[in-house]
Each structure stands twice: as C-alpha cells, then as structure tokens.
Amino acid sequence: MVILAGIFLGALWGYVYAARRNGSGKDKAQYAAVWGVIGAILSAFLAVGIDRMM
C-alpha cells in the first residue's frame, strides 16, 4: 500500500513540476512517469524499513 501511495505522490509531484515550468502535455507525462518510478523505489525502501522494524 505504501508503494502505491509513493507512485501516486511521485507522479503528482512530477506533473505539477512540469506544469509550473510550462511544459507541454508530453513533458507532463514524462515527468509524471519518471517521478512515479522514483516514488515507487523510495517507497519500496520505506516499506522494507517499516517491515524490518516490526
């Protein structure tokens, strides 16, 4: 569940970032995809860390 939240928040962050820089629709899609993947990777580390604490 944490990983899905990381994907969603990362994609949202990437879209907003590209929109603020006046990017085209393709720019917004690319930034959303890249930041979604980054969010998934970071949240996977977070999920493993939470799992190891319990």
C-alpha atoms as a PDB file:
ATOM      1  CA  MET A   1       0.000   0.000   0.000  1.00  0.00           C
ATOM      2  CA  VAL A   2       2.886   2.309   0.756  1.00  0.00           C
ATOM      3  CA  ILE A   3       4.331   1.676  -2.684  1.00  0.00           C
ATOM      4  CA  LEU A   4       1.092   2.644  -4.432  1.00  0.00           C
ATOM      5  CA  ALA A   5       0.991   5.863  -2.441  1.00  0.00           C
ATOM      6  CA  GLY A   6       4.602   6.559  -3.436  1.00  0.00           C
ATOM      7  CA  ILE A   7       3.797   6.032  -7.105  1.00  0.00           C
ATOM      8  CA  PHE A   8       0.768   8.308  -6.934  1.00  0.00           C
ATOM      9  CA  LEU A   9       2.503  11.084  -4.983  1.00  0.00           C
ATOM     10  CA  GLY A  10       5.587  10.905  -7.196  1.00  0.00           C
ATOM     11  CA  ALA A  11       3.513  11.123 -10.360  1.00  0.00           C
ATOM     12  CA  LEU A  12       1.534  14.023  -8.949  1.00  0.00           C
ATOM     13  CA  TRP A  13       4.749  15.813  -7.986  1.00  0.00           C
ATOM     14  CA  GLY A  14       6.223  15.299 -11.466  1.00  0.00           C
ATOM     15  CA  TYR A  15       3.094  16.552 -13.194  1.00  0.00           C
ATOM     16  CA  VAL A  16       2.935  19.680 -11.048  1.00  0.00           C
ATOM     17  CA  TYR A  17       6.647  20.302 -11.540  1.00  0.00           C
ATOM     18  CA  ALA A  18       6.316  20.148 -15.331  1.00  0.00           C
ATOM     19  CA  ALA A  19       3.171  22.277 -15.281  1.00  0.00           C
ATOM     20  CA  ARG A  20       4.923  25.005 -13.298  1.00  0.00           C
ATOM     21  CA  ARG A  21       7.674  25.078 -15.888  1.00  0.00           C
ATOM     22  CA  ASN A  22       5.075  25.463 -18.681  1.00  0.00           C
ATOM     23  CA  GLY A  23       5.766  22.057 -20.173  1.00  0.00           C
ATOM     24  CA  SER A  24       3.717  20.519 -22.947  1.00  0.00           C
ATOM     25  CA  GLY A  25       1.464  17.527 -22.396  1.00  0.00           C
ATOM     26  CA  LYS A  26       4.276  15.149 -23.301  1.00  0.00           C
ATOM     27  CA  ASP A  27       6.596  16.858 -20.811  1.00  0.00           C
ATOM     28  CA  LYS A  28       3.987  16.486 -18.073  1.00  0.00           C
ATOM     29  CA  ALA A  29       3.503  12.803 -18.899  1.00  0.00           C
ATOM     30  CA  GLN A  30       7.239  12.122 -18.926  1.00  0.00           C
ATOM     31  CA  TYR A  31       7.881  13.930 -15.651  1.00  0.00           C
ATOM     32  CA  ALA A  32       4.914  12.145 -14.049  1.00  0.00           C
ATOM     33  CA  ALA A  33       6.229   8.763 -15.212  1.00  0.00           C
ATOM     34  CA  VAL A  34       9.793   9.371 -14.077  1.00  0.00           C
ATOM     35  CA  TRP A  35       8.823  10.775 -10.693  1.00  0.00           C
ATOM     36  CA  GLY A  36       6.305   7.940 -10.282  1.00  0.00           C
ATOM     37  CA  VAL A  37       9.112   5.413 -10.695  1.00  0.00           C
ATOM     38  CA  ILE A  38      11.319   7.362  -8.282  1.00  0.00           C
ATOM     39  CA  GLY A  39       8.463   7.457  -5.780  1.00  0.00           C
ATOM     40  CA  ALA A  40       7.984   3.698  -6.134  1.00  0.00           C
ATOM     41  CA  ILE A  41      11.650   2.999  -5.481  1.00  0.00           C
ATOM     42  CA  LEU A  42      11.811   5.274  -2.434  1.00  0.00           C
ATOM     43  CA  SER A  43       8.593   3.909  -1.008  1.00  0.00           C
ATOM     44  CA  ALA A  44       9.826   0.337  -1.515  1.00  0.00           C
ATOM     45  CA  PHE A  45      12.827   1.156   0.670  1.00  0.00           C
ATOM     46  CA  LEU A  46      10.463   2.717   3.187  1.00  0.00           C
ATOM     47  CA  ALA A  47       8.247  -0.387   3.175  1.00  0.00           C
ATOM     48  CA  VAL A  48      11.238  -2.657   3.763  1.00  0.00           C
ATOM     49  CA  GLY A  49      12.414  -0.422   6.603  1.00  0.00           C
ATOM     50  CA  ILE A  50       8.994  -0.453   8.244  1.00  0.00           C
ATOM     51  CA  ASP A  51       8.786  -4.234   7.835  1.00  0.00           C
ATOM     52  CA  ARG A  52      12.153  -4.773   9.470  1.00  0.00           C
ATOM     53  CA  MET A  53      11.217  -2.603  12.453  1.00  0.00           C
ATOM     54  CA  MET A  54       8.201  -4.764  13.247  1.00  0.00           C
END
